[in-house]
């Protein structure tokens, strides 16, 4: 255990590109061995992804932010207003998006004299579900799309889902076939921005908190 912790610390603070700029998890609690191991695991996954010319997502549940990255560099950050998760221990490794969120494409007027954009950021949905492989689903919900009642409904649904998970844990119920599910609440603009940024096959890495 001690050797593993030491290796985690060395890895987290010896990566030139990230560490020199102070970008490796500035909120990391170095006195928490579980947090150190998790940070090391995520960084190892990132190093693999950063070796290729591709964009990927880091869902940082500790910092409460979605990072859109390429080559280890932040391209954009989307703050997470709230989140819930089931099967947290299974959220390791790299997940890949199987399909982009559905978009209702606008109709093009053939008689128009000015150029028309077939699709734009504002055509993106504010609430949608993303599916990944290995099996994992991510529900994106808008914090402001349905007003107060919508927020109450979404919060109640999250609370009920989390209560069911805790009840299963207390009862010692195992669910080997159940896929992990993450529910993320974003502003409408951030939800649209995330949908706009995704591509089929996009890699996703998740940084988990020490305590759910």
N, C-alpha and C. Protein backbone atom coordinates (compact mmCIF):
# COMPACT_ATOMS: atom_id res chain seq x y z
N UNK A 1 0.83 -1.21 0.00
CA UNK A 1 0.00 0.00 0.00
C UNK A 1 0.87 1.26 0.00
N UNK A 2 1.92 1.26 0.86
CA UNK A 2 2.80 2.42 0.95
C UNK A 2 3.53 2.65 -0.37
N UNK A 3 3.99 1.56 -1.00
CA UNK A 3 4.69 1.68 -2.28
C UNK A 3 3.77 2.27 -3.33
N UNK A 4 2.53 1.83 -3.34
CA UNK A 4 1.55 2.34 -4.30
C UNK A 4 1.33 3.83 -4.13
N UNK A 5 1.25 4.28 -2.88
CA UNK A 5 1.04 5.70 -2.60
C UNK A 5 2.24 6.52 -3.06
N UNK A 6 3.44 6.03 -2.78
CA UNK A 6 4.66 6.74 -3.18
C UNK A 6 4.72 6.87 -4.70
N UNK A 7 4.41 5.80 -5.40
CA UNK A 7 4.41 5.84 -6.87
C UNK A 7 3.38 6.82 -7.39
N UNK A 8 2.23 6.88 -6.73
CA UNK A 8 1.19 7.82 -7.14
C UNK A 8 1.67 9.26 -7.01
N UNK A 9 2.32 9.56 -5.89
CA UNK A 9 2.84 10.91 -5.67
C UNK A 9 3.89 11.27 -6.72
N UNK A 10 4.80 10.35 -6.99
CA UNK A 10 5.85 10.60 -7.97
C UNK A 10 5.27 10.85 -9.35
N UNK A 11 4.26 10.08 -9.72
CA UNK A 11 3.65 10.25 -11.04
C UNK A 11 2.94 11.59 -11.14
N UNK A 12 2.21 11.94 -10.11
CA UNK A 12 1.42 13.17 -10.14
C UNK A 12 2.27 14.42 -10.20
N UNK A 13 3.47 14.36 -9.65
CA UNK A 13 4.30 15.56 -9.58
C UNK A 13 5.55 15.50 -10.46
N UNK A 14 5.56 14.56 -11.40
CA UNK A 14 6.75 14.44 -12.25
C UNK A 14 6.42 14.52 -13.73
N UNK A 15 5.20 14.93 -14.08
CA UNK A 15 4.84 15.07 -15.49
C UNK A 15 5.13 16.50 -15.91
N UNK A 16 6.13 16.72 -16.79
CA UNK A 16 6.60 18.07 -17.09
C UNK A 16 5.51 19.01 -17.58
N UNK A 17 4.74 18.58 -18.58
CA UNK A 17 3.76 19.47 -19.21
C UNK A 17 2.72 19.98 -18.27
N UNK A 18 2.15 19.09 -17.46
CA UNK A 18 1.09 19.47 -16.54
C UNK A 18 1.65 20.08 -15.25
N UNK A 19 2.58 19.39 -14.64
CA UNK A 19 3.04 19.79 -13.30
C UNK A 19 3.70 21.16 -13.30
N UNK A 20 4.45 21.46 -14.39
CA UNK A 20 5.15 22.74 -14.43
C UNK A 20 4.19 23.91 -14.40
N UNK A 21 2.98 23.70 -14.93
CA UNK A 21 2.00 24.77 -14.97
C UNK A 21 1.01 24.68 -13.82
N UNK A 22 1.20 23.71 -12.93
CA UNK A 22 0.31 23.57 -11.80
C UNK A 22 -1.08 23.11 -12.18
N UNK A 23 -1.20 22.37 -13.27
CA UNK A 23 -2.50 21.99 -13.78
C UNK A 23 -2.92 20.59 -13.36
N UNK A 24 -2.09 19.88 -12.61
CA UNK A 24 -2.44 18.53 -12.20
C UNK A 24 -3.23 18.60 -10.90
N UNK A 25 -4.52 18.63 -11.01
CA UNK A 25 -5.43 18.55 -9.86
C UNK A 25 -4.98 19.44 -8.70
N UNK A 26 -5.10 20.75 -8.84
CA UNK A 26 -4.67 21.65 -7.76
C UNK A 26 -5.46 21.44 -6.46
N UNK A 27 -6.62 20.79 -6.55
CA UNK A 27 -7.43 20.54 -5.36
C UNK A 27 -7.12 19.18 -4.72
N UNK A 28 -6.09 18.51 -5.19
CA UNK A 28 -5.76 17.18 -4.69
C UNK A 28 -5.29 17.23 -3.24
N UNK A 29 -5.88 16.39 -2.41
CA UNK A 29 -5.48 16.28 -1.01
C UNK A 29 -4.36 15.23 -0.91
N UNK A 30 -3.12 15.69 -0.74
CA UNK A 30 -1.99 14.77 -0.72
C UNK A 30 -1.96 13.92 0.55
N UNK A 31 -2.79 14.26 1.51
CA UNK A 31 -2.87 13.46 2.74
C UNK A 31 -3.93 12.36 2.64
N UNK A 32 -4.59 12.29 1.51
CA UNK A 32 -5.63 11.28 1.28
C UNK A 32 -5.08 10.23 0.31
N UNK A 33 -4.70 9.04 0.79
CA UNK A 33 -4.11 8.03 -0.09
C UNK A 33 -5.06 7.58 -1.20
N UNK A 34 -6.35 7.54 -0.91
CA UNK A 34 -7.32 7.15 -1.94
C UNK A 34 -7.37 8.20 -3.05
N UNK A 35 -7.35 9.47 -2.67
CA UNK A 35 -7.36 10.55 -3.65
C UNK A 35 -6.08 10.54 -4.48
N UNK A 36 -4.95 10.24 -3.86
CA UNK A 36 -3.69 10.16 -4.58
C UNK A 36 -3.71 9.05 -5.62
N UNK A 37 -4.21 7.89 -5.24
CA UNK A 37 -4.28 6.77 -6.17
C UNK A 37 -5.23 7.07 -7.32
N UNK A 38 -6.34 7.73 -7.01
CA UNK A 38 -7.29 8.09 -8.06
C UNK A 38 -6.69 9.11 -9.01
N UNK A 39 -6.00 10.11 -8.47
CA UNK A 39 -5.35 11.09 -9.32
C UNK A 39 -4.31 10.46 -10.22
N UNK A 40 -3.55 9.52 -9.68
CA UNK A 40 -2.54 8.82 -10.46
C UNK A 40 -3.19 8.00 -11.58
N UNK A 41 -4.28 7.32 -11.25
CA UNK A 41 -4.99 6.50 -12.25
C UNK A 41 -5.48 7.37 -13.40
N UNK A 42 -6.10 8.50 -13.06
CA UNK A 42 -6.64 9.39 -14.09
C UNK A 42 -5.52 9.96 -14.95
N UNK A 43 -4.41 10.34 -14.32
CA UNK A 43 -3.29 10.89 -15.07
C UNK A 43 -2.71 9.87 -16.02
N UNK A 44 -2.63 8.61 -15.61
CA UNK A 44 -2.13 7.56 -16.49
C UNK A 44 -3.03 7.43 -17.72
N UNK A 45 -4.34 7.49 -17.51
CA UNK A 45 -5.27 7.41 -18.64
C UNK A 45 -5.10 8.63 -19.55
N UNK A 46 -4.91 9.80 -18.95
CA UNK A 46 -4.73 11.02 -19.74
C UNK A 46 -3.45 10.97 -20.58
N UNK A 47 -2.39 10.45 -20.00
CA UNK A 47 -1.13 10.36 -20.74
C UNK A 47 -1.28 9.50 -21.99
N UNK A 48 -2.05 8.44 -21.89
CA UNK A 48 -2.30 7.59 -23.06
C UNK A 48 -3.08 8.36 -24.13
N UNK A 49 -4.11 9.09 -23.69
CA UNK A 49 -4.94 9.82 -24.64
C UNK A 49 -4.20 11.01 -25.24
N UNK A 50 -3.36 11.67 -24.43
CA UNK A 50 -2.65 12.86 -24.89
C UNK A 50 -1.57 12.53 -25.91
N UNK A 51 -1.22 11.27 -26.03
CA UNK A 51 -0.19 10.87 -26.99
C UNK A 51 -0.70 10.89 -28.42
N UNK A 52 -2.02 11.03 -28.59
CA UNK A 52 -2.61 11.02 -29.93
C UNK A 52 -3.32 12.34 -30.20
N UNK A 53 -3.39 12.75 -31.48
CA UNK A 53 -4.07 14.02 -31.82
C UNK A 53 -5.59 13.85 -31.78
N UNK A 54 -6.16 14.01 -30.62
CA UNK A 54 -7.60 13.82 -30.45
C UNK A 54 -8.08 14.67 -29.29
N UNK A 55 -9.35 14.98 -29.28
CA UNK A 55 -9.95 15.64 -28.13
C UNK A 55 -10.61 14.59 -27.26
N UNK A 56 -10.63 14.86 -25.97
CA UNK A 56 -11.26 13.93 -25.04
C UNK A 56 -11.85 14.72 -23.88
N UNK A 57 -12.69 14.05 -23.10
CA UNK A 57 -13.34 14.68 -21.96
C UNK A 57 -12.78 14.11 -20.66
N UNK A 58 -12.55 15.00 -19.71
CA UNK A 58 -12.26 14.60 -18.34
C UNK A 58 -13.42 15.07 -17.48
N UNK A 59 -14.21 14.13 -16.98
CA UNK A 59 -15.31 14.46 -16.10
C UNK A 59 -14.76 14.44 -14.67
N UNK A 60 -14.48 15.60 -14.14
CA UNK A 60 -13.86 15.71 -12.81
C UNK A 60 -14.96 15.92 -11.77
N UNK A 61 -15.37 14.83 -11.13
CA UNK A 61 -16.42 14.91 -10.12
C UNK A 61 -15.91 15.51 -8.81
N UNK A 62 -14.61 15.55 -8.63
CA UNK A 62 -14.02 16.15 -7.43
C UNK A 62 -14.07 17.68 -7.53
N UNK A 63 -13.62 18.20 -8.66
CA UNK A 63 -13.62 19.65 -8.87
C UNK A 63 -14.96 20.18 -9.35
N UNK A 64 -15.83 19.27 -9.82
CA UNK A 64 -17.13 19.70 -10.33
C UNK A 64 -17.02 20.42 -11.65
N UNK A 65 -16.27 19.85 -12.59
CA UNK A 65 -16.09 20.50 -13.88
C UNK A 65 -15.86 19.44 -14.96
N UNK A 66 -16.32 19.74 -16.17
CA UNK A 66 -16.02 18.93 -17.35
C UNK A 66 -14.93 19.65 -18.13
N UNK A 67 -13.84 18.97 -18.39
CA UNK A 67 -12.74 19.56 -19.15
C UNK A 67 -12.70 18.94 -20.54
N UNK A 68 -12.75 19.79 -21.55
CA UNK A 68 -12.54 19.35 -22.93
C UNK A 68 -11.07 19.58 -23.22
N UNK A 69 -10.34 18.51 -23.54
CA UNK A 69 -8.89 18.59 -23.61
C UNK A 69 -8.35 17.96 -24.89
N UNK A 70 -7.12 18.34 -25.23
CA UNK A 70 -6.38 17.73 -26.33
C UNK A 70 -4.91 17.83 -25.99
N UNK A 71 -4.20 16.72 -26.14
CA UNK A 71 -2.77 16.69 -25.82
C UNK A 71 -2.50 17.13 -24.38
N UNK A 72 -3.46 16.91 -23.48
CA UNK A 72 -3.30 17.28 -22.08
C UNK A 72 -3.58 18.73 -21.78
N UNK A 73 -3.97 19.51 -22.79
CA UNK A 73 -4.20 20.94 -22.62
C UNK A 73 -5.70 21.21 -22.56
N UNK A 74 -6.11 22.06 -21.62
CA UNK A 74 -7.51 22.47 -21.51
C UNK A 74 -7.92 23.30 -22.71
N UNK A 75 -8.98 22.90 -23.39
CA UNK A 75 -9.56 23.71 -24.45
C UNK A 75 -10.77 24.49 -23.96
N UNK A 76 -11.51 23.87 -23.06
CA UNK A 76 -12.72 24.51 -22.54
C UNK A 76 -13.13 23.82 -21.25
N UNK A 77 -13.75 24.58 -20.35
CA UNK A 77 -14.23 24.02 -19.09
C UNK A 77 -15.71 24.33 -18.92
N UNK A 78 -16.45 23.31 -18.49
CA UNK A 78 -17.89 23.45 -18.26
C UNK A 78 -18.18 23.12 -16.80
N UNK A 79 -18.62 24.08 -16.01
CA UNK A 79 -18.91 23.80 -14.60
C UNK A 79 -20.12 22.90 -14.43
N UNK A 80 -20.04 21.98 -13.48
CA UNK A 80 -21.13 21.07 -13.16
C UNK A 80 -21.88 21.64 -11.96
N UNK A 81 -23.20 21.86 -12.13
CA UNK A 81 -24.01 22.41 -11.04
C UNK A 81 -24.31 21.35 -9.99
N UNK A 82 -24.54 20.12 -10.43
CA UNK A 82 -24.84 19.01 -9.51
C UNK A 82 -24.62 17.70 -10.24
N UNK A 83 -24.40 16.63 -9.48
CA UNK A 83 -24.21 15.32 -10.11
C UNK A 83 -24.61 14.22 -9.15
N UNK A 84 -25.00 13.09 -9.74
CA UNK A 84 -25.22 11.85 -9.01
C UNK A 84 -24.65 10.72 -9.85
N UNK A 85 -24.35 9.61 -9.20
CA UNK A 85 -23.74 8.50 -9.92
C UNK A 85 -24.15 7.18 -9.27
N UNK A 86 -24.28 6.15 -10.09
CA UNK A 86 -24.48 4.80 -9.59
C UNK A 86 -23.29 3.95 -10.01
N UNK A 87 -23.00 2.92 -9.23
CA UNK A 87 -21.88 2.02 -9.54
C UNK A 87 -20.56 2.79 -9.69
N UNK A 88 -20.28 3.66 -8.74
CA UNK A 88 -19.07 4.49 -8.80
C UNK A 88 -17.78 3.68 -8.95
N UNK A 89 -17.61 2.55 -8.26
CA UNK A 89 -16.35 1.80 -8.38
C UNK A 89 -16.05 1.33 -9.81
N UNK A 90 -17.06 1.25 -10.66
CA UNK A 90 -16.85 0.75 -12.02
C UNK A 90 -16.38 1.83 -12.99
N UNK A 91 -16.35 3.06 -12.56
CA UNK A 91 -16.02 4.15 -13.47
C UNK A 91 -14.51 4.33 -13.58
N UNK A 92 -13.84 3.29 -14.02
CA UNK A 92 -12.39 3.34 -14.23
C UNK A 92 -12.09 3.06 -15.70
N UNK A 93 -10.88 3.39 -16.11
CA UNK A 93 -10.52 3.17 -17.50
C UNK A 93 -11.04 4.30 -18.39
N UNK A 94 -11.02 4.05 -19.68
CA UNK A 94 -11.47 5.03 -20.67
C UNK A 94 -12.76 4.55 -21.31
N UNK A 95 -13.75 5.41 -21.34
CA UNK A 95 -15.02 5.12 -22.01
C UNK A 95 -15.04 5.86 -23.35
N UNK A 96 -15.78 5.29 -24.31
CA UNK A 96 -15.87 5.94 -25.62
C UNK A 96 -17.33 6.15 -26.00
N UNK A 97 -17.61 7.35 -26.48
CA UNK A 97 -18.97 7.72 -26.85
C UNK A 97 -19.40 6.94 -28.08
N UNK A 98 -20.56 6.30 -28.00
CA UNK A 98 -21.03 5.49 -29.12
C UNK A 98 -21.84 6.29 -30.13
N UNK A 99 -22.44 7.40 -29.70
CA UNK A 99 -23.22 8.22 -30.62
C UNK A 99 -23.42 9.61 -30.04
N UNK A 100 -23.41 10.62 -30.90
CA UNK A 100 -23.65 11.99 -30.46
C UNK A 100 -25.12 12.15 -30.08
N UNK A 101 -25.45 13.17 -29.29
CA UNK A 101 -26.86 13.40 -28.95
C UNK A 101 -27.67 13.78 -30.17
N UNK A 102 -28.95 13.39 -30.23
CA UNK A 102 -29.79 13.72 -31.39
C UNK A 102 -30.02 15.22 -31.50
N UNK A 103 -30.06 15.70 -32.73
CA UNK A 103 -30.25 17.12 -33.00
C UNK A 103 -31.38 17.28 -34.01
N UNK A 104 -32.30 18.18 -33.73
CA UNK A 104 -33.36 18.50 -34.68
C UNK A 104 -32.81 19.52 -35.66
N UNK A 105 -32.55 19.07 -36.88
CA UNK A 105 -31.93 19.95 -37.87
C UNK A 105 -32.97 20.92 -38.44
N UNK A 106 -32.56 22.16 -38.58
CA UNK A 106 -33.45 23.17 -39.14
C UNK A 106 -33.63 22.97 -40.64
N UNK A 107 -34.77 23.41 -41.16
CA UNK A 107 -35.03 23.31 -42.59
C UNK A 107 -34.37 24.47 -43.32
N UNK A 108 -33.78 24.15 -44.46
CA UNK A 108 -33.12 25.16 -45.28
C UNK A 108 -34.12 25.71 -46.28
N UNK A 109 -34.20 27.04 -46.36
CA UNK A 109 -35.08 27.69 -47.32
C UNK A 109 -34.33 27.84 -48.64
N UNK A 110 -34.72 27.07 -49.68
CA UNK A 110 -33.98 27.12 -50.95
C UNK A 110 -34.11 28.46 -51.66
N UNK A 111 -35.10 29.25 -51.29
CA UNK A 111 -35.30 30.54 -51.97
C UNK A 111 -34.54 31.68 -51.32
N UNK A 112 -33.91 31.41 -50.18
CA UNK A 112 -33.19 32.46 -49.47
C UNK A 112 -31.95 32.89 -50.25
N UNK A 113 -31.67 34.19 -50.21
CA UNK A 113 -30.52 34.72 -50.95
C UNK A 113 -29.25 34.76 -50.11
N UNK A 114 -29.39 34.67 -48.80
CA UNK A 114 -28.22 34.68 -47.92
C UNK A 114 -27.88 33.26 -47.49
N UNK A 115 -26.61 33.07 -47.16
CA UNK A 115 -26.16 31.74 -46.75
C UNK A 115 -26.79 31.36 -45.41
N UNK A 116 -27.26 30.13 -45.31
CA UNK A 116 -27.91 29.65 -44.10
C UNK A 116 -27.09 28.53 -43.48
N UNK A 117 -26.88 28.64 -42.18
CA UNK A 117 -26.16 27.59 -41.48
C UNK A 117 -27.08 26.39 -41.27
N UNK A 118 -26.66 25.19 -41.69
CA UNK A 118 -27.52 24.02 -41.52
C UNK A 118 -27.71 23.65 -40.05
N UNK A 119 -26.73 23.98 -39.22
CA UNK A 119 -26.82 23.65 -37.80
C UNK A 119 -25.88 24.57 -37.03
N UNK A 120 -26.26 24.92 -35.82
CA UNK A 120 -25.43 25.81 -35.01
C UNK A 120 -25.47 25.36 -33.56
N UNK A 121 -24.71 26.04 -32.73
CA UNK A 121 -24.66 25.71 -31.31
C UNK A 121 -26.04 25.79 -30.67
N UNK A 122 -26.84 26.75 -31.12
CA UNK A 122 -28.16 26.97 -30.51
C UNK A 122 -29.18 25.91 -30.91
N UNK A 123 -28.82 25.06 -31.87
CA UNK A 123 -29.69 23.94 -32.24
C UNK A 123 -29.44 22.72 -31.36
N UNK A 124 -28.39 22.77 -30.56
CA UNK A 124 -28.04 21.63 -29.73
C UNK A 124 -29.07 21.46 -28.60
N UNK A 125 -29.32 20.21 -28.19
CA UNK A 125 -30.28 19.97 -27.10
C UNK A 125 -29.69 20.40 -25.75
N UNK A 126 -30.57 20.67 -24.80
CA UNK A 126 -30.14 21.03 -23.45
C UNK A 126 -30.28 19.86 -22.48
N UNK A 127 -31.02 18.84 -22.88
CA UNK A 127 -31.17 17.64 -22.06
C UNK A 127 -31.09 16.42 -22.98
N UNK A 128 -30.23 15.48 -22.64
CA UNK A 128 -30.03 14.32 -23.51
C UNK A 128 -29.29 13.24 -22.74
N UNK A 129 -29.21 12.08 -23.36
CA UNK A 129 -28.49 10.94 -22.77
C UNK A 129 -27.37 10.52 -23.71
N UNK A 130 -26.21 10.30 -23.16
CA UNK A 130 -25.05 9.81 -23.91
C UNK A 130 -24.76 8.38 -23.49
N UNK A 131 -24.47 7.54 -24.47
CA UNK A 131 -24.14 6.14 -24.19
C UNK A 131 -22.69 5.88 -24.55
N UNK A 132 -22.04 5.03 -23.76
CA UNK A 132 -20.62 4.77 -23.93
C UNK A 132 -20.34 3.28 -23.91
N UNK A 133 -19.17 2.95 -24.41
CA UNK A 133 -18.64 1.61 -24.27
C UNK A 133 -17.26 1.71 -23.64
N UNK A 134 -16.97 0.84 -22.63
CA UNK A 134 -17.82 -0.14 -21.94
C UNK A 134 -19.10 0.50 -21.43
N UNK A 135 -20.06 -0.36 -21.07
CA UNK A 135 -21.42 0.09 -20.76
C UNK A 135 -21.44 1.16 -19.68
N UNK A 136 -21.91 2.35 -20.07
CA UNK A 136 -22.08 3.46 -19.15
C UNK A 136 -22.99 4.47 -19.82
N UNK A 137 -23.89 5.07 -19.06
CA UNK A 137 -24.76 6.11 -19.60
C UNK A 137 -24.55 7.39 -18.82
N UNK A 138 -24.72 8.50 -19.52
CA UNK A 138 -24.56 9.81 -18.91
C UNK A 138 -25.77 10.67 -19.26
N UNK A 139 -26.53 11.05 -18.27
CA UNK A 139 -27.70 11.90 -18.47
C UNK A 139 -27.31 13.35 -18.23
N UNK A 140 -27.52 14.18 -19.24
CA UNK A 140 -27.25 15.60 -19.13
C UNK A 140 -28.58 16.31 -18.93
N UNK A 141 -28.68 17.05 -17.84
CA UNK A 141 -29.92 17.74 -17.51
C UNK A 141 -29.64 19.23 -17.34
N UNK A 142 -30.61 20.04 -17.73
CA UNK A 142 -30.46 21.48 -17.65
C UNK A 142 -30.98 22.00 -16.32
N UNK A 143 -30.20 22.87 -15.71
CA UNK A 143 -30.59 23.43 -14.41
C UNK A 143 -31.63 24.52 -14.55
N UNK A 144 -31.77 25.08 -15.76
CA UNK A 144 -32.66 26.23 -15.90
C UNK A 144 -33.64 26.11 -17.06
N UNK A 145 -33.79 24.92 -17.63
CA UNK A 145 -34.66 24.79 -18.79
C UNK A 145 -36.13 24.73 -18.44
N UNK A 146 -36.45 24.30 -17.23
CA UNK A 146 -37.85 24.11 -16.87
C UNK A 146 -38.26 24.93 -15.64
N UNK A 147 -37.47 25.91 -15.26
CA UNK A 147 -37.85 26.74 -14.13
C UNK A 147 -37.76 26.01 -12.81
N UNK A 148 -38.40 26.58 -11.82
CA UNK A 148 -38.32 26.05 -10.46
C UNK A 148 -38.87 24.65 -10.34
N UNK A 149 -40.03 24.40 -10.95
CA UNK A 149 -40.66 23.08 -10.85
C UNK A 149 -39.80 22.02 -11.53
N UNK A 150 -39.20 22.39 -12.65
CA UNK A 150 -38.31 21.44 -13.33
C UNK A 150 -37.11 21.10 -12.48
N UNK A 151 -36.57 22.11 -11.79
CA UNK A 151 -35.42 21.88 -10.92
C UNK A 151 -35.81 20.97 -9.76
N UNK A 152 -36.99 21.21 -9.17
CA UNK A 152 -37.46 20.37 -8.07
C UNK A 152 -37.65 18.93 -8.53
N UNK A 153 -38.22 18.76 -9.72
CA UNK A 153 -38.45 17.41 -10.24
C UNK A 153 -37.12 16.70 -10.48
N UNK A 154 -36.17 17.40 -11.09
CA UNK A 154 -34.87 16.79 -11.38
C UNK A 154 -34.14 16.43 -10.09
N UNK A 155 -34.19 17.34 -9.11
CA UNK A 155 -33.52 17.08 -7.84
C UNK A 155 -34.14 15.90 -7.12
N UNK A 156 -35.47 15.80 -7.15
CA UNK A 156 -36.16 14.68 -6.50
C UNK A 156 -35.79 13.37 -7.16
N UNK A 157 -35.70 13.38 -8.50
CA UNK A 157 -35.34 12.17 -9.22
C UNK A 157 -33.93 11.72 -8.87
N UNK A 158 -33.00 12.67 -8.78
CA UNK A 158 -31.62 12.34 -8.40
C UNK A 158 -31.57 11.77 -6.99
N UNK A 159 -32.31 12.42 -6.07
CA UNK A 159 -32.30 11.97 -4.68
C UNK A 159 -32.86 10.56 -4.55
N UNK A 160 -33.93 10.26 -5.28
CA UNK A 160 -34.52 8.93 -5.24
C UNK A 160 -33.56 7.88 -5.80
N UNK A 161 -32.89 8.23 -6.88
CA UNK A 161 -31.93 7.31 -7.49
C UNK A 161 -30.78 7.01 -6.53
N UNK A 162 -30.28 8.06 -5.87
CA UNK A 162 -29.18 7.87 -4.93
C UNK A 162 -29.63 7.09 -3.71
N UNK A 163 -30.86 7.34 -3.25
CA UNK A 163 -31.40 6.61 -2.10
C UNK A 163 -31.50 5.13 -2.41
N UNK A 164 -31.89 4.80 -3.63
CA UNK A 164 -32.00 3.40 -4.02
C UNK A 164 -30.63 2.73 -4.01
N UNK A 165 -29.60 3.46 -4.46
CA UNK A 165 -28.24 2.91 -4.46
C UNK A 165 -27.78 2.65 -3.04
N UNK A 166 -28.00 3.61 -2.14
CA UNK A 166 -27.59 3.43 -0.74
C UNK A 166 -28.33 2.25 -0.10
N UNK A 167 -29.60 2.11 -0.43
CA UNK A 167 -30.40 1.02 0.13
C UNK A 167 -29.84 -0.33 -0.31
N UNK A 168 -29.44 -0.42 -1.59
CA UNK A 168 -28.85 -1.66 -2.09
C UNK A 168 -27.54 -1.97 -1.40
N UNK A 169 -26.75 -0.93 -1.15
CA UNK A 169 -25.46 -1.15 -0.48
C UNK A 169 -25.67 -1.64 0.95
N UNK A 170 -26.60 -1.01 1.65
CA UNK A 170 -26.87 -1.42 3.03
C UNK A 170 -27.39 -2.85 3.10
N UNK A 171 -28.14 -3.26 2.08
CA UNK A 171 -28.70 -4.61 2.05
C UNK A 171 -27.71 -5.62 1.50
N UNK A 172 -26.56 -5.13 1.03
CA UNK A 172 -25.55 -6.03 0.47
C UNK A 172 -25.93 -6.58 -0.88
N UNK A 173 -26.78 -5.84 -1.62
CA UNK A 173 -27.23 -6.31 -2.93
C UNK A 173 -26.18 -5.99 -3.97
N UNK A 174 -25.82 -6.97 -4.75
CA UNK A 174 -24.86 -6.80 -5.83
C UNK A 174 -25.61 -6.75 -7.16
N UNK A 175 -25.16 -5.89 -8.05
CA UNK A 175 -25.80 -5.77 -9.36
C UNK A 175 -24.75 -5.86 -10.45
N UNK A 176 -24.23 -7.07 -10.71
CA UNK A 176 -23.12 -7.22 -11.64
C UNK A 176 -23.46 -6.82 -13.07
N UNK A 177 -24.73 -6.90 -13.44
CA UNK A 177 -25.08 -6.59 -14.82
C UNK A 177 -25.50 -5.15 -15.04
N UNK A 178 -25.57 -4.36 -14.00
CA UNK A 178 -26.06 -2.99 -14.12
C UNK A 178 -24.94 -2.05 -14.53
N UNK A 179 -25.19 -1.27 -15.59
CA UNK A 179 -24.20 -0.32 -16.06
C UNK A 179 -24.18 0.91 -15.17
N UNK A 180 -23.03 1.55 -15.11
CA UNK A 180 -22.92 2.79 -14.35
C UNK A 180 -23.71 3.90 -15.03
N UNK A 181 -24.27 4.77 -14.24
CA UNK A 181 -25.02 5.92 -14.76
C UNK A 181 -24.57 7.18 -14.03
N UNK A 182 -24.27 8.21 -14.80
CA UNK A 182 -23.92 9.51 -14.24
C UNK A 182 -24.98 10.51 -14.68
N UNK A 183 -25.48 11.29 -13.75
CA UNK A 183 -26.40 12.38 -14.08
C UNK A 183 -25.70 13.69 -13.77
N UNK A 184 -25.55 14.52 -14.80
CA UNK A 184 -24.87 15.81 -14.64
C UNK A 184 -25.86 16.93 -14.91
N UNK A 185 -25.91 17.90 -14.01
CA UNK A 185 -26.75 19.07 -14.21
C UNK A 185 -25.87 20.25 -14.61
N UNK A 186 -26.17 20.81 -15.79
CA UNK A 186 -25.43 21.95 -16.32
C UNK A 186 -26.40 23.07 -16.64
N UNK A 187 -25.89 24.26 -16.88
CA UNK A 187 -26.74 25.32 -17.40
C UNK A 187 -27.11 24.95 -18.84
N UNK A 188 -28.15 25.56 -19.37
CA UNK A 188 -28.57 25.26 -20.74
C UNK A 188 -27.44 25.52 -21.73
N UNK A 189 -26.74 26.65 -21.55
CA UNK A 189 -25.66 26.99 -22.47
C UNK A 189 -24.53 25.97 -22.40
N UNK A 190 -24.19 25.53 -21.19
CA UNK A 190 -23.11 24.56 -21.04
C UNK A 190 -23.52 23.20 -21.60
N UNK A 191 -24.78 22.82 -21.41
CA UNK A 191 -25.26 21.55 -21.96
C UNK A 191 -25.18 21.57 -23.48
N UNK A 192 -25.55 22.68 -24.09
CA UNK A 192 -25.47 22.80 -25.55
C UNK A 192 -24.02 22.78 -26.01
N UNK A 193 -23.15 23.44 -25.27
CA UNK A 193 -21.74 23.47 -25.62
C UNK A 193 -21.13 22.07 -25.57
N UNK A 194 -21.52 21.28 -24.56
CA UNK A 194 -21.02 19.91 -24.47
C UNK A 194 -21.50 19.08 -25.65
N UNK A 195 -22.79 19.20 -25.98
CA UNK A 195 -23.33 18.45 -27.12
C UNK A 195 -22.62 18.84 -28.41
N UNK A 196 -22.32 20.11 -28.57
CA UNK A 196 -21.64 20.61 -29.77
C UNK A 196 -20.22 20.06 -29.87
N UNK A 197 -19.58 19.82 -28.74
CA UNK A 197 -18.17 19.41 -28.71
C UNK A 197 -17.96 17.92 -28.91
N UNK A 198 -19.00 17.12 -28.71
CA UNK A 198 -18.83 15.68 -28.76
C UNK A 198 -18.72 15.16 -30.18
N UNK A 199 -17.98 14.08 -30.34
CA UNK A 199 -17.88 13.37 -31.61
C UNK A 199 -17.98 11.88 -31.32
N UNK A 200 -18.42 11.12 -32.31
CA UNK A 200 -18.53 9.68 -32.14
C UNK A 200 -17.17 9.08 -31.79
N UNK A 201 -17.15 8.21 -30.81
CA UNK A 201 -15.90 7.57 -30.40
C UNK A 201 -15.05 8.41 -29.48
N UNK A 202 -15.55 9.54 -29.04
CA UNK A 202 -14.77 10.45 -28.18
C UNK A 202 -14.43 9.78 -26.85
N UNK A 203 -13.16 9.79 -26.44
CA UNK A 203 -12.78 9.17 -25.16
C UNK A 203 -13.22 10.03 -23.98
N UNK A 204 -13.56 9.36 -22.89
CA UNK A 204 -13.96 10.04 -21.66
C UNK A 204 -13.29 9.36 -20.48
N UNK A 205 -12.70 10.15 -19.61
CA UNK A 205 -12.10 9.66 -18.37
C UNK A 205 -12.81 10.35 -17.21
N UNK A 206 -13.05 9.62 -16.13
CA UNK A 206 -13.78 10.17 -14.99
C UNK A 206 -12.91 10.15 -13.75
N UNK A 207 -12.80 11.29 -13.10
CA UNK A 207 -12.10 11.38 -11.82
C UNK A 207 -13.13 11.27 -10.70
N UNK A 208 -12.99 10.25 -9.88
CA UNK A 208 -13.98 9.96 -8.85
C UNK A 208 -13.56 10.55 -7.50
N UNK A 209 -14.53 10.94 -6.70
CA UNK A 209 -14.23 11.43 -5.36
C UNK A 209 -13.86 10.28 -4.43
N UNK A 210 -13.15 10.59 -3.36
CA UNK A 210 -12.80 9.55 -2.39
C UNK A 210 -14.04 8.98 -1.73
N UNK A 211 -15.03 9.84 -1.49
CA UNK A 211 -16.29 9.42 -0.90
C UNK A 211 -17.41 9.87 -1.80
N UNK A 212 -18.35 8.96 -2.18
CA UNK A 212 -19.45 9.33 -3.07
C UNK A 212 -20.42 10.28 -2.39
